[in-house]
Amino acid sequence: MNGWHETYNDFPGPDVVCGHLQTIAVPPAPADPPDACRDCLSEGTTWVELRACLVCRQTRCCESSPRRHATAHFEQTGHAVMANQSGGYQWGWCYVDGMPLSPDAD
């Protein structure tokens, strides 16, 4: 469908679905910018890891970063689903449903 699905692992349970998966851009747009938090760059601050909005693909810094721009992006736009942009393990999150997401297998 859009490349992502709910990750259960008994949380919150197989009978719960994320109502925001349909907002994911298909096909996904390239991340903008892919390797930096634009807000941190303009403020002169640093980030720990990056998150990409799965709706508009803007890249912002994570919850562990001092400025938490990914959360601010969600609060300003209502774009509820994001994904890890820092490499390594692929995972996503829905802010509204508090639900982990996983990419579909290729």
C-alpha atoms as a PDB file:
ATOM      1  CA  MET A   1       0.000   0.000   0.000  1.00  0.00           C
ATOM      2  CA  ASN A   2       2.310   2.800   1.210  1.00  0.00           C
ATOM      3  CA  GLY A   3       5.348   0.880   2.416  1.00  0.00           C
ATOM      4  CA  TRP A   4       4.606   0.887   6.172  1.00  0.00           C
ATOM      5  CA  HIS A   5       2.566  -1.132   8.656  1.00  0.00           C
ATOM      6  CA  GLU A   6       1.901  -1.279  12.388  1.00  0.00           C
ATOM      7  CA  THR A   7       4.508  -3.009  14.553  1.00  0.00           C
ATOM      8  CA  TYR A   8       2.742  -4.939  17.261  1.00  0.00           C
ATOM      9  CA  ASN A   9       5.072  -6.994  19.446  1.00  0.00           C
ATOM     10  CA  ASP A  10       2.047  -7.067  21.773  1.00  0.00           C
ATOM     11  CA  PHE A  11       1.937  -3.264  21.851  1.00  0.00           C
ATOM     12  CA  PRO A  12      -0.722  -2.040  21.547  1.00  0.00           C
ATOM     13  CA  GLY A  13      -2.137  -5.271  20.065  1.00  0.00           C
ATOM     14  CA  PRO A  14      -3.116  -6.804  16.724  1.00  0.00           C
ATOM     15  CA  ASP A  15      -6.650  -5.418  16.921  1.00  0.00           C
ATOM     16  CA  VAL A  16      -5.417  -1.803  16.915  1.00  0.00           C
ATOM     17  CA  VAL A  17      -4.598  -0.048  13.646  1.00  0.00           C
ATOM     18  CA  CYS A  18      -2.925   3.251  12.913  1.00  0.00           C
ATOM     19  CA  GLY A  19      -5.427   5.537  11.267  1.00  0.00           C
ATOM     20  CA  HIS A  20      -2.668   7.724   9.863  1.00  0.00           C
ATOM     21  CA  LEU A  21      -0.909   5.276   7.536  1.00  0.00           C
ATOM     22  CA  GLN A  22      -3.053   6.540   4.651  1.00  0.00           C
ATOM     23  CA  THR A  23      -1.413   9.978   4.994  1.00  0.00           C
ATOM     24  CA  ILE A  24       2.004   8.628   3.950  1.00  0.00           C
ATOM     25  CA  ALA A  25       3.133  10.044   0.613  1.00  0.00           C
ATOM     26  CA  VAL A  26       3.102   7.463  -2.184  1.00  0.00           C
ATOM     27  CA  PRO A  27       5.514   7.408  -3.873  1.00  0.00           C
ATOM     28  CA  PRO A  28       7.670   8.859  -1.129  1.00  0.00           C
ATOM     29  CA  ALA A  29       9.273  12.174  -1.879  1.00  0.00           C
ATOM     30  CA  PRO A  30      13.014  12.510  -1.285  1.00  0.00           C
ATOM     31  CA  ALA A  31      13.830  13.658   2.239  1.00  0.00           C
ATOM     32  CA  ASP A  32      14.498  17.390   2.411  1.00  0.00           C
ATOM     33  CA  PRO A  33      17.278  17.771   3.414  1.00  0.00           C
ATOM     34  CA  PRO A  34      18.198  14.095   3.831  1.00  0.00           C
ATOM     35  CA  ASP A  35      21.130  14.453   6.203  1.00  0.00           C
ATOM     36  CA  ALA A  36      20.442  17.496   8.387  1.00  0.00           C
ATOM     37  CA  CYS A  37      17.786  19.211  10.463  1.00  0.00           C
ATOM     38  CA  ARG A  38      17.030  22.420   8.579  1.00  0.00           C
ATOM     39  CA  ASP A  39      15.817  24.134  11.747  1.00  0.00           C
ATOM     40  CA  CYS A  40      18.978  23.211  13.686  1.00  0.00           C
ATOM     41  CA  LEU A  41      21.110  24.489  10.806  1.00  0.00           C
ATOM     42  CA  SER A  42      19.304  27.846  10.769  1.00  0.00           C
ATOM     43  CA  GLU A  43      19.522  28.146  14.590  1.00  0.00           C
ATOM     44  CA  GLY A  44      23.122  26.994  14.829  1.00  0.00           C
ATOM     45  CA  THR A  45      22.154  24.108  17.138  1.00  0.00           C
ATOM     46  CA  THR A  46      23.001  20.409  16.896  1.00  0.00           C
ATOM     47  CA  TRP A  47      20.978  17.201  16.689  1.00  0.00           C
ATOM     48  CA  VAL A  48      21.397  13.653  17.993  1.00  0.00           C
ATOM     49  CA  GLU A  49      19.471  11.744  15.307  1.00  0.00           C
ATOM     50  CA  LEU A  50      17.147  12.660  12.464  1.00  0.00           C
ATOM     51  CA  ARG A  51      13.520  11.835  11.680  1.00  0.00           C
ATOM     52  CA  ALA A  52      11.775  12.191   8.324  1.00  0.00           C
ATOM     53  CA  CYS A  53       8.107  13.147   8.117  1.00  0.00           C
ATOM     54  CA  LEU A  54       6.434  10.409   6.066  1.00  0.00           C
ATOM     55  CA  VAL A  55       3.796  12.854   4.836  1.00  0.00           C
ATOM     56  CA  CYS A  56       5.958  15.673   3.430  1.00  0.00           C
ATOM     57  CA  ARG A  57       9.458  14.166   3.937  1.00  0.00           C
ATOM     58  CA  GLN A  58      10.907  17.134   5.811  1.00  0.00           C
ATOM     59  CA  THR A  59      13.829  16.058   7.983  1.00  0.00           C
ATOM     60  CA  ARG A  60      13.947  17.234  11.588  1.00  0.00           C
ATOM     61  CA  CYS A  61      15.818  16.307  14.784  1.00  0.00           C
ATOM     62  CA  CYS A  62      14.654  13.636  17.235  1.00  0.00           C
ATOM     63  CA  GLU A  63      13.288  13.658  20.782  1.00  0.00           C
ATOM     64  CA  SER A  64      16.787  13.253  22.227  1.00  0.00           C
ATOM     65  CA  SER A  65      17.975  16.412  20.481  1.00  0.00           C
ATOM     66  CA  PRO A  66      17.853  19.659  22.455  1.00  0.00           C
ATOM     67  CA  ARG A  67      15.285  21.384  20.191  1.00  0.00           C
ATOM     68  CA  ARG A  68      13.039  18.385  19.247  1.00  0.00           C
ATOM     69  CA  HIS A  69      12.121  19.803  15.836  1.00  0.00           C
ATOM     70  CA  ALA A  70      10.399  16.608  14.597  1.00  0.00           C
ATOM     71  CA  THR A  71       7.851  16.894  17.406  1.00  0.00           C
ATOM     72  CA  ALA A  72       7.435  20.608  16.686  1.00  0.00           C
ATOM     73  CA  HIS A  73       6.801  19.750  13.016  1.00  0.00           C
ATOM     74  CA  PHE A  74       4.038  17.328  14.054  1.00  0.00           C
ATOM     75  CA  GLU A  75       2.495  19.884  16.417  1.00  0.00           C
ATOM     76  CA  GLN A  76       2.529  22.606  13.736  1.00  0.00           C
ATOM     77  CA  THR A  77       1.364  20.524  10.758  1.00  0.00           C
ATOM     78  CA  GLY A  78      -0.547  17.570  12.193  1.00  0.00           C
ATOM     79  CA  HIS A  79       1.651  15.215  10.123  1.00  0.00           C
ATOM     80  CA  ALA A  80       1.447  12.247  12.482  1.00  0.00           C
ATOM     81  CA  VAL A  81       3.851   9.666  11.026  1.00  0.00           C
ATOM     82  CA  MET A  82       7.646   9.836  10.903  1.00  0.00           C
ATOM     83  CA  ALA A  83      10.561   7.493  10.326  1.00  0.00           C
ATOM     84  CA  ASN A  84      14.129   7.163  11.509  1.00  0.00           C
ATOM     85  CA  GLN A  85      16.387   9.022   9.060  1.00  0.00           C
ATOM     86  CA  SER A  86      19.718   8.387  10.790  1.00  0.00           C
ATOM     87  CA  GLY A  87      20.497   5.003   9.293  1.00  0.00           C
ATOM     88  CA  GLY A  88      20.682   1.662  11.003  1.00  0.00           C
ATOM     89  CA  TYR A  89      17.450   0.003  12.047  1.00  0.00           C
ATOM     90  CA  GLN A  90      14.417   1.170  10.042  1.00  0.00           C
ATOM     91  CA  TRP A  91      11.408   2.111  12.154  1.00  0.00           C
ATOM     92  CA  GLY A  92       8.653   4.682  12.294  1.00  0.00           C
ATOM     93  CA  TRP A  93       6.252   6.206  14.797  1.00  0.00           C
ATOM     94  CA  CYS A  94       2.746   7.627  14.819  1.00  0.00           C
ATOM     95  CA  TYR A  95       2.567  10.552  17.238  1.00  0.00           C
ATOM     96  CA  VAL A  96      -1.229  10.463  17.500  1.00  0.00           C
ATOM     97  CA  ASP A  97      -1.722   6.734  18.029  1.00  0.00           C
ATOM     98  CA  GLY A  98       1.532   6.266  19.977  1.00  0.00           C
ATOM     99  CA  MET A  99       2.230   3.303  17.744  1.00  0.00           C
ATOM    100  CA  PRO A 100       5.515   1.942  16.376  1.00  0.00           C
ATOM    101  CA  LEU A 101       5.654   1.345  12.611  1.00  0.00           C
ATOM    102  CA  SER A 102       7.808  -0.884  10.428  1.00  0.00           C
ATOM    103  CA  PRO A 103       8.603  -0.689   6.731  1.00  0.00           C
ATOM    104  CA  ASP A 104       7.041  -3.364   4.551  1.00  0.00           C
ATOM    105  CA  ALA A 105       9.361  -6.106   3.325  1.00  0.00           C
ATOM    106  CA  ASP A 106      10.679  -5.520  -0.200  1.00  0.00           C
END
